Amino acid sequence: KPEDTAVYYCASRTYSSSSFYYTVVSWYNY
């Protein structure tokens, strides 16, 4: 859809976490 227009970024968290904050930008480290 036109509203999908954006810059798309890939992110990785390379170490485990007790909580899975997968929607949070700062949770990812690369």
Full PDB file with SEQRES, HELIX, SHEET, SSBOND, CRYST1, ORIGX, SCALE, CONECT and MASTER records, all heavy atoms in Angstrom:
SEQRES   1 A   30  LYS PRO GLU ASP THR ALA VAL TYR TYR CYS ALA SER ARG          
SEQRES   2 A   30  THR TYR SER SER SER SER PHE TYR TYR THR VAL VAL SER          
SEQRES   3 A   30  TRP TYR ASN TYR                                              
HELIX    1 AA1 PRO A    2  ASP A    4  5                                   3    
HELIX    2 AA2 VAL A   25  TRP A   27  5                                   3    
CRYST1    1.000    1.000    1.000  90.00  90.00  90.00 P 1           1          
ORIGX1      1.000000  0.000000  0.000000        0.00000                         
ORIGX2      0.000000  1.000000  0.000000        0.00000                         
ORIGX3      0.000000  0.000000  1.000000        0.00000                         
SCALE1      1.000000  0.000000  0.000000        0.00000                         
SCALE2      0.000000  1.000000  0.000000        0.00000                         
SCALE3      0.000000  0.000000  1.000000        0.00000                         
ATOM      1  N   LYS A   1       0.849  -1.188   0.000  1.00  0.00           N  
ATOM      2  CA  LYS A   1       0.000   0.000   0.000  1.00  0.00           C  
ATOM      3  C   LYS A   1       0.886   1.239   0.000  1.00  0.00           C  
ATOM      4  O   LYS A   1       2.033   1.177   0.469  1.00  0.00           O  
ATOM      5  CB  LYS A   1      -0.875   0.009   1.250  1.00  0.00           C  
ATOM      6  CG  LYS A   1      -1.707  -1.249   1.464  1.00  0.00           C  
ATOM      7  CD  LYS A   1      -2.441  -1.189   2.798  1.00  0.00           C  
ATOM      8  CE  LYS A   1      -3.260  -2.443   3.032  1.00  0.00           C  
ATOM      9  NZ  LYS A   1      -3.960  -2.393   4.343  1.00  0.00           N  
ATOM     10  N   PRO A   2       0.358   2.359  -0.480  1.00  0.00           N  
ATOM     11  CA  PRO A   2       1.156   3.602  -0.448  1.00  0.00           C  
ATOM     12  C   PRO A   2       1.660   3.930   0.959  1.00  0.00           C  
ATOM     13  O   PRO A   2       2.760   4.464   1.101  1.00  0.00           O  
ATOM     14  CB  PRO A   2       0.176   4.652  -0.958  1.00  0.00           C  
ATOM     15  CG  PRO A   2      -0.726   3.894  -1.874  1.00  0.00           C  
ATOM     16  CD  PRO A   2      -0.899   2.552  -1.216  1.00  0.00           C  
ATOM     17  N   GLU A   3       0.893   3.594   1.975  1.00  0.00           N  
ATOM     18  CA  GLU A   3       1.330   3.885   3.345  1.00  0.00           C  
ATOM     19  C   GLU A   3       2.482   2.998   3.814  1.00  0.00           C  
ATOM     20  O   GLU A   3       3.022   3.216   4.899  1.00  0.00           O  
ATOM     21  CB  GLU A   3       0.159   3.785   4.330  1.00  0.00           C  
ATOM     22  CG  GLU A   3      -0.639   2.502   4.242  1.00  0.00           C  
ATOM     23  CD  GLU A   3      -1.886   2.650   3.378  1.00  0.00           C  
ATOM     24  OE1 GLU A   3      -1.788   3.277   2.282  1.00  0.00           O  
ATOM     25  OE2 GLU A   3      -2.945   2.130   3.789  1.00  0.00           O  
ATOM     26  N   ASP A   4       2.871   2.020   3.026  1.00  0.00           N  
ATOM     27  CA  ASP A   4       4.058   1.213   3.333  1.00  0.00           C  
ATOM     28  C   ASP A   4       5.345   1.900   2.878  1.00  0.00           C  
ATOM     29  O   ASP A   4       6.441   1.420   3.172  1.00  0.00           O  
ATOM     30  CB  ASP A   4       3.971  -0.158   2.658  1.00  0.00           C  
ATOM     31  CG  ASP A   4       2.838  -1.016   3.203  1.00  0.00           C  
ATOM     32  OD1 ASP A   4       2.636  -1.014   4.423  1.00  0.00           O  
ATOM     33  OD2 ASP A   4       2.164  -1.676   2.390  1.00  0.00           O  
ATOM     34  N   THR A   5       5.202   3.020   2.173  1.00  0.00           N  
ATOM     35  CA  THR A   5       6.371   3.763   1.700  1.00  0.00           C  
ATOM     36  C   THR A   5       7.215   4.248   2.871  1.00  0.00           C  
ATOM     37  O   THR A   5       6.705   4.905   3.787  1.00  0.00           O  
ATOM     38  CB  THR A   5       5.936   4.953   0.837  1.00  0.00           C  
ATOM     39  OG1 THR A   5       5.300   4.456  -0.346  1.00  0.00           O  
ATOM     40  CG2 THR A   5       7.127   5.813   0.452  1.00  0.00           C  
ATOM     41  N   ALA A   6       8.496   3.903   2.859  1.00  0.00           N  
ATOM     42  CA  ALA A   6       9.400   4.264   3.957  1.00  0.00           C  
ATOM     43  C   ALA A   6      10.793   3.738   3.631  1.00  0.00           C  
ATOM     44  O   ALA A   6      10.976   2.968   2.683  1.00  0.00           O  
ATOM     45  CB  ALA A   6       8.916   3.656   5.274  1.00  0.00           C  
ATOM     46  N   VAL A   7      11.743   4.144   4.454  1.00  0.00           N  
ATOM     47  CA  VAL A   7      13.045   3.482   4.462  1.00  0.00           C  
ATOM     48  C   VAL A   7      12.942   2.319   5.430  1.00  0.00           C  
ATOM     49  O   VAL A   7      12.508   2.491   6.577  1.00  0.00           O  
ATOM     50  CB  VAL A   7      14.171   4.439   4.887  1.00  0.00           C  
ATOM     51  CG1 VAL A   7      15.504   3.684   4.959  1.00  0.00           C  
ATOM     52  CG2 VAL A   7      14.270   5.607   3.916  1.00  0.00           C  
ATOM     53  N   TYR A   8      13.321   1.137   4.965  1.00  0.00           N  
ATOM     54  CA  TYR A   8      13.238  -0.072   5.779  1.00  0.00           C  
ATOM     55  C   TYR A   8      14.624  -0.422   6.303  1.00  0.00           C  
ATOM     56  O   TYR A   8      15.600  -0.465   5.547  1.00  0.00           O  
ATOM     57  CB  TYR A   8      12.665  -1.219   4.961  1.00  0.00           C  
ATOM     58  CG  TYR A   8      11.172  -1.118   4.803  1.00  0.00           C  
ATOM     59  CD1 TYR A   8      10.595  -0.131   3.993  1.00  0.00           C  
ATOM     60  CD2 TYR A   8      10.317  -1.997   5.466  1.00  0.00           C  
ATOM     61  CE1 TYR A   8       9.225  -0.019   3.871  1.00  0.00           C  
ATOM     62  CE2 TYR A   8       8.944  -1.894   5.341  1.00  0.00           C  
ATOM     63  CZ  TYR A   8       8.404  -0.907   4.552  1.00  0.00           C  
ATOM     64  OH  TYR A   8       7.037  -0.810   4.427  1.00  0.00           O  
ATOM     65  N   TYR A   9      14.678  -0.657   7.615  1.00  0.00           N  
ATOM     66  CA  TYR A   9      15.930  -0.961   8.277  1.00  0.00           C  
ATOM     67  C   TYR A   9      15.903  -2.366   8.869  1.00  0.00           C  
ATOM     68  O   TYR A   9      14.907  -2.773   9.464  1.00  0.00           O  
ATOM     69  CB  TYR A   9      16.202   0.026   9.406  1.00  0.00           C  
ATOM     70  CG  TYR A   9      16.400   1.452   8.959  1.00  0.00           C  
ATOM     71  CD1 TYR A   9      15.326   2.329   8.860  1.00  0.00           C  
ATOM     72  CD2 TYR A   9      17.674   1.926   8.644  1.00  0.00           C  
ATOM     73  CE1 TYR A   9      15.502   3.636   8.454  1.00  0.00           C  
ATOM     74  CE2 TYR A   9      17.861   3.245   8.236  1.00  0.00           C  
ATOM     75  CZ  TYR A   9      16.773   4.078   8.147  1.00  0.00           C  
ATOM     76  OH  TYR A   9      16.961   5.373   7.741  1.00  0.00           O  
ATOM     77  N   CYS A  10      17.012  -3.033   8.735  1.00  0.00           N  
ATOM     78  CA  CYS A  10      17.219  -4.325   9.370  1.00  0.00           C  
ATOM     79  C   CYS A  10      17.971  -4.095  10.680  1.00  0.00           C  
ATOM     80  O   CYS A  10      18.846  -3.218  10.755  1.00  0.00           O  
ATOM     81  CB  CYS A  10      18.048  -5.187   8.419  1.00  0.00           C  
ATOM     82  SG  CYS A  10      18.664  -6.712   9.099  1.00  0.00           S  
ATOM     83  N   ALA A  11      17.633  -4.877  11.697  1.00  0.00           N  
ATOM     84  CA  ALA A  11      18.292  -4.735  12.992  1.00  0.00           C  
ATOM     85  C   ALA A  11      18.571  -6.106  13.585  1.00  0.00           C  
ATOM     86  O   ALA A  11      17.836  -7.061  13.329  1.00  0.00           O  
ATOM     87  CB  ALA A  11      17.413  -3.924  13.938  1.00  0.00           C  
ATOM     88  N   SER A  12      19.613  -6.164  14.396  1.00  0.00           N  
ATOM     89  CA  SER A  12      19.985  -7.425  15.030  1.00  0.00           C  
ATOM     90  C   SER A  12      20.276  -7.218  16.503  1.00  0.00           C  
ATOM     91  O   SER A  12      20.886  -6.218  16.886  1.00  0.00           O  
ATOM     92  CB  SER A  12      21.231  -8.011  14.351  1.00  0.00           C  
ATOM     93  OG  SER A  12      21.682  -9.162  15.037  1.00  0.00           O  
ATOM     94  N   ARG A  13      19.815  -8.151  17.309  1.00  0.00           N  
ATOM     95  CA  ARG A  13      20.255  -8.224  18.700  1.00  0.00           C  
ATOM     96  C   ARG A  13      21.084  -9.489  18.800  1.00  0.00           C  
ATOM     97  O   ARG A  13      20.587 -10.587  18.524  1.00  0.00           O  
ATOM     98  CB  ARG A  13      19.085  -8.269  19.675  1.00  0.00           C  
ATOM     99  CG  ARG A  13      19.554  -8.330  21.138  1.00  0.00           C  
ATOM    100  CD  ARG A  13      18.420  -8.298  22.104  1.00  0.00           C  
ATOM    101  NE  ARG A  13      18.864  -8.516  23.461  1.00  0.00           N  
ATOM    102  CZ  ARG A  13      19.102  -7.534  24.325  1.00  0.00           C  
ATOM    103  NH1 ARG A  13      18.897  -6.269  23.967  1.00  0.00           N  
ATOM    104  NH2 ARG A  13      19.513  -7.811  25.544  1.00  0.00           N  
ATOM    105  N   THR A  14      22.336  -9.322  19.187  1.00  0.00           N  
ATOM    106  CA  THR A  14      23.269 -10.452  19.123  1.00  0.00           C  
ATOM    107  C   THR A  14      23.422 -11.190  20.438  1.00  0.00           C  
ATOM    108  O   THR A  14      24.171 -12.166  20.503  1.00  0.00           O  
ATOM    109  CB  THR A  14      24.647  -9.986  18.635  1.00  0.00           C  
ATOM    110  OG1 THR A  14      25.113  -8.941  19.499  1.00  0.00           O  
ATOM    111  CG2 THR A  14      24.585  -9.473  17.209  1.00  0.00           C  
ATOM    112  N   TYR A  15      22.737 -10.772  21.490  1.00  0.00           N  
ATOM    113  CA  TYR A  15      22.849 -11.490  22.748  1.00  0.00           C  
ATOM    114  C   TYR A  15      21.460 -11.662  23.347  1.00  0.00           C  
ATOM    115  O   TYR A  15      20.548 -10.896  23.085  1.00  0.00           O  
ATOM    116  CB  TYR A  15      23.787 -10.763  23.717  1.00  0.00           C  
ATOM    117  CG  TYR A  15      23.440  -9.320  23.967  1.00  0.00           C  
ATOM    118  CD1 TYR A  15      22.685  -8.927  25.066  1.00  0.00           C  
ATOM    119  CD2 TYR A  15      23.871  -8.329  23.090  1.00  0.00           C  
ATOM    120  CE1 TYR A  15      22.370  -7.602  25.283  1.00  0.00           C  
ATOM    121  CE2 TYR A  15      23.555  -6.998  23.300  1.00  0.00           C  
ATOM    122  CZ  TYR A  15      22.812  -6.641  24.398  1.00  0.00           C  
ATOM    123  OH  TYR A  15      22.499  -5.332  24.606  1.00  0.00           O  
ATOM    124  N   SER A  16      21.328 -12.684  24.158  1.00  0.00           N  
ATOM    125  CA  SER A  16      20.016 -13.046  24.681  1.00  0.00           C  
ATOM    126  C   SER A  16      19.527 -12.032  25.707  1.00  0.00           C  
ATOM    127  O   SER A  16      20.287 -11.215  26.221  1.00  0.00           O  
ATOM    128  CB  SER A  16      20.046 -14.447  25.296  1.00  0.00           C  
ATOM    129  OG  SER A  16      20.930 -14.466  26.386  1.00  0.00           O  
ATOM    130  N   SER A  17      18.250 -12.099  25.965  1.00  0.00           N  
ATOM    131  CA  SER A  17      17.629 -11.152  26.880  1.00  0.00           C  
ATOM    132  C   SER A  17      16.565 -11.870  27.688  1.00  0.00           C  
ATOM    133  O   SER A  17      15.914 -12.780  27.185  1.00  0.00           O  
ATOM    134  CB  SER A  17      17.011 -10.013  26.074  1.00  0.00           C  
ATOM    135  OG  SER A  17      16.193  -9.202  26.886  1.00  0.00           O  
ATOM    136  N   SER A  18      16.386 -11.455  28.919  1.00  0.00           N  
ATOM    137  CA  SER A  18      15.341 -12.056  29.744  1.00  0.00           C  
ATOM    138  C   SER A  18      13.960 -11.627  29.267  1.00  0.00           C  
ATOM    139  O   SER A  18      12.965 -12.300  29.519  1.00  0.00           O  
ATOM    140  CB  SER A  18      15.544 -11.678  31.208  1.00  0.00           C  
ATOM    141  OG  SER A  18      15.520 -10.270  31.360  1.00  0.00           O  
ATOM    142  N   SER A  19      13.916 -10.520  28.576  1.00  0.00           N  
ATOM    143  CA  SER A  19      12.646 -10.039  28.022  1.00  0.00           C  
ATOM    144  C   SER A  19      12.806  -9.786  26.533  1.00  0.00           C  
ATOM    145  O   SER A  19      13.873  -9.388  26.078  1.00  0.00           O  
ATOM    146  CB  SER A  19      12.218  -8.745  28.716  1.00  0.00           C  
ATOM    147  OG  SER A  19      12.040  -8.949  30.095  1.00  0.00           O  
ATOM    148  N   PHE A  20      11.756 -10.016  25.810  1.00  0.00           N  
ATOM    149  CA  PHE A  20      11.827  -9.956  24.358  1.00  0.00           C  
ATOM    150  C   PHE A  20      11.159  -8.683  23.879  1.00  0.00           C  
ATOM    151  O   PHE A  20      10.002  -8.675  23.456  1.00  0.00           O  
ATOM    152  CB  PHE A  20      11.165 -11.201  23.766  1.00  0.00           C  
ATOM    153  CG  PHE A  20      11.566 -11.480  22.343  1.00  0.00           C  
ATOM    154  CD1 PHE A  20      12.890 -11.702  22.016  1.00  0.00           C  
ATOM    155  CD2 PHE A  20      10.621 -11.549  21.341  1.00  0.00           C  
ATOM    156  CE1 PHE A  20      13.272 -11.968  20.713  1.00  0.00           C  
ATOM    157  CE2 PHE A  20      10.991 -11.826  20.037  1.00  0.00           C  
ATOM    158  CZ  PHE A  20      12.311 -12.034  19.719  1.00  0.00           C  
ATOM    159  N   TYR A  21      11.915  -7.588  23.937  1.00  0.00           N  
ATOM    160  CA  TYR A  21      11.386  -6.280  23.560  1.00  0.00           C  
ATOM    161  C   TYR A  21      11.583  -6.037  22.068  1.00  0.00           C  
ATOM    162  O   TYR A  21      12.206  -5.050  21.660  1.00  0.00           O  
ATOM    163  CB  TYR A  21      12.067  -5.185  24.374  1.00  0.00           C  
ATOM    164  CG  TYR A  21      11.766  -5.254  25.858  1.00  0.00           C  
ATOM    165  CD1 TYR A  21      12.785  -5.482  26.777  1.00  0.00           C  
ATOM    166  CD2 TYR A  21      10.475  -5.068  26.334  1.00  0.00           C  
ATOM    167  CE1 TYR A  21      12.520  -5.544  28.130  1.00  0.00           C  
ATOM    168  CE2 TYR A  21      10.202  -5.121  27.687  1.00  0.00           C  
ATOM    169  CZ  TYR A  21      11.226  -5.367  28.583  1.00  0.00           C  
ATOM    170  OH  TYR A  21      10.956  -5.412  29.917  1.00  0.00           O  
ATOM    171  N   TYR A  22      11.045  -6.899  21.262  1.00  0.00           N  
ATOM    172  CA  TYR A  22      11.343  -6.888  19.838  1.00  0.00           C  
ATOM    173  C   TYR A  22      10.766  -5.684  19.104  1.00  0.00           C  
ATOM    174  O   TYR A  22      11.141  -5.408  17.977  1.00  0.00           O  
ATOM    175  CB  TYR A  22      10.842  -8.169  19.175  1.00  0.00           C  
ATOM    176  CG  TYR A  22       9.368  -8.432  19.374  1.00  0.00           C  
ATOM    177  CD1 TYR A  22       8.428  -7.940  18.495  1.00  0.00           C  
ATOM    178  CD2 TYR A  22       8.938  -9.175  20.459  1.00  0.00           C  
ATOM    179  CE1 TYR A  22       7.080  -8.181  18.676  1.00  0.00           C  
ATOM    180  CE2 TYR A  22       7.590  -9.423  20.652  1.00  0.00           C  
ATOM    181  CZ  TYR A  22       6.670  -8.922  19.762  1.00  0.00           C  
ATOM    182  OH  TYR A  22       5.331  -9.156  19.950  1.00  0.00           O  
ATOM    183  N   THR A  23       9.870  -4.947  19.697  1.00  0.00           N  
ATOM    184  CA  THR A  23       9.313  -3.764  19.039  1.00  0.00           C  
ATOM    185  C   THR A  23      10.090  -2.499  19.361  1.00  0.00           C  
ATOM    186  O   THR A  23       9.800  -1.444  18.814  1.00  0.00           O  
ATOM    187  CB  THR A  23       7.848  -3.549  19.440  1.00  0.00           C  
ATOM    188  OG1 THR A  23       7.793  -3.259  20.844  1.00  0.00           O  
ATOM    189  CG2 THR A  23       6.997  -4.756  19.121  1.00  0.00           C  
ATOM    190  N   VAL A  24      11.071  -2.591  20.236  1.00  0.00           N  
ATOM    191  CA  VAL A  24      11.773  -1.410  20.750  1.00  0.00           C  
ATOM    192  C   VAL A  24      13.076  -1.196  19.995  1.00  0.00           C  
ATOM    193  O   VAL A  24      13.929  -2.093  19.940  1.00  0.00           O  
ATOM    194  CB  VAL A  24      12.057  -1.559  22.259  1.00  0.00           C  
ATOM    195  CG1 VAL A  24      12.817  -0.348  22.781  1.00  0.00           C  
ATOM    196  CG2 VAL A  24      10.748  -1.743  23.020  1.00  0.00           C  
ATOM    197  N   VAL A  25      13.252  -0.008  19.437  1.00  0.00           N  
ATOM    198  CA  VAL A  25      14.438   0.302  18.647  1.00  0.00           C  
ATOM    199  C   VAL A  25      15.713   0.062  19.448  1.00  0.00           C  
ATOM    200  O   VAL A  25      16.662  -0.562  18.960  1.00  0.00           O  
ATOM    201  CB  VAL A  25      14.381   1.755  18.136  1.00  0.00           C  
ATOM    202  CG1 VAL A  25      15.721   2.187  17.555  1.00  0.00           C  
ATOM    203  CG2 VAL A  25      13.270   1.908  17.104  1.00  0.00           C  
ATOM    204  N   SER A  26      15.767   0.531  20.670  1.00  0.00           N  
ATOM    205  CA  SER A  26      16.992   0.468  21.476  1.00  0.00           C  
ATOM    206  C   SER A  26      17.334  -0.941  21.961  1.00  0.00           C  
ATOM    207  O   SER A  26      18.431  -1.168  22.474  1.00  0.00           O  
ATOM    208  CB  SER A  26      16.882   1.398  22.676  1.00  0.00           C  
ATOM    209  OG  SER A  26      15.776   1.020  23.490  1.00  0.00           O  
ATOM    210  N   TRP A  27      16.450  -1.890  21.760  1.00  0.00           N  
ATOM    211  CA  TRP A  27      16.716  -3.282  22.173  1.00  0.00           C  
ATOM    212  C   TRP A  27      17.720  -3.952  21.247  1.00  0.00           C  
ATOM    213  O   TRP A  27      18.384  -4.902  21.625  1.00  0.00           O  
ATOM    214  CB  TRP A  27      15.398  -4.053  22.203  1.00  0.00           C  
ATOM    215  CG  TRP A  27      15.445  -5.418  22.799  1.00  0.00           C  
ATOM    216  CD1 TRP A  27      15.585  -5.746  24.122  1.00  0.00           C  
ATOM    217  CD2 TRP A  27      15.323  -6.656  22.079  1.00  0.00           C  
ATOM    218  NE1 TRP A  27      15.563  -7.110  24.269  1.00  0.00           N  
ATOM    219  CE2 TRP A  27      15.397  -7.694  23.041  1.00  0.00           C  
ATOM    220  CE3 TRP A  27      15.160  -6.991  20.738  1.00  0.00           C  
ATOM    221  CZ2 TRP A  27      15.308  -9.045  22.682  1.00  0.00           C  
ATOM    222  CZ3 TRP A  27      15.082  -8.330  20.381  1.00  0.00           C  
ATOM    223  CH2 TRP A  27      15.150  -9.330  21.359  1.00  0.00           C  
ATOM    224  N   TYR A  28      17.807  -3.453  20.025  1.00  0.00           N  
ATOM    225  CA  TYR A  28      18.717  -4.020  19.033  1.00  0.00           C  
ATOM    226  C   TYR A  28      20.063  -3.321  19.099  1.00  0.00           C  
ATOM    227  O   TYR A  28      20.133  -2.113  19.339  1.00  0.00           O  
ATOM    228  CB  TYR A  28      18.115  -3.879  17.634  1.00  0.00           C  
ATOM    229  CG  TYR A  28      16.824  -4.650  17.471  1.00  0.00           C  
ATOM    230  CD1 TYR A  28      15.603  -4.094  17.845  1.00  0.00           C  
ATOM    231  CD2 TYR A  28      16.812  -5.942  16.950  1.00  0.00           C  
ATOM    232  CE1 TYR A  28      14.422  -4.804  17.708  1.00  0.00           C  
ATOM    233  CE2 TYR A  28      15.627  -6.651  16.803  1.00  0.00           C  
ATOM    234  CZ  TYR A  28      14.436  -6.077  17.196  1.00  0.00           C  
ATOM    235  OH  TYR A  28      13.264  -6.782  17.063  1.00  0.00           O  
ATOM    236  N   ASN A  29      21.144  -4.047  18.867  1.00  0.00           N  
ATOM    237  CA  ASN A  29      22.462  -3.438  18.983  1.00  0.00           C  
ATOM    238  C   ASN A  29      23.205  -3.246  17.668  1.00  0.00           C  
ATOM    239  O   ASN A  29      24.288  -2.656  17.658  1.00  0.00           O  
ATOM    240  CB  ASN A  29      23.346  -4.197  20.004  1.00  0.00           C  
ATOM    241  CG  ASN A  29      23.480  -5.676  19.694  1.00  0.00           C  
ATOM    242  OD1 ASN A  29      22.547  -6.333  19.275  1.00  0.00           O  
ATOM    243  ND2 ASN A  29      24.662  -6.221  19.941  1.00  0.00           N  
ATOM    244  N   TYR A  30      22.652  -3.730  16.577  1.00  0.00           N  
ATOM    245  CA  TYR A  30      23.236  -3.441  15.263  1.00  0.00           C  
ATOM    246  C   TYR A  30      22.113  -3.095  14.281  1.00  0.00           C  
ATOM    247  O   TYR A  30      21.026  -3.681  14.341  1.00  0.00           O  
ATOM    248  CB  TYR A  30      24.029  -4.640  14.728  1.00  0.00           C  
ATOM    249  CG  TYR A  30      25.311  -4.885  15.466  1.00  0.00           C  
ATOM    250  CD1 TYR A  30      25.399  -5.890  16.423  1.00  0.00           C  
ATOM    251  CD2 TYR A  30      26.447  -4.112  15.211  1.00  0.00           C  
ATOM    252  CE1 TYR A  30      26.574  -6.119  17.115  1.00  0.00           C  
ATOM    253  CE2 TYR A  30      27.622  -4.327  15.900  1.00  0.00           C  
ATOM    254  CZ  TYR A  30      27.681  -5.334  16.853  1.00  0.00           C  
ATOM    255  OH  TYR A  30      28.850  -5.552  17.533  1.00  0.00           O  
TER     256      TYR A  30                                                      
MASTER        0    0    0    2    0    0    0    6  255    1    0    3          
END                                                                             
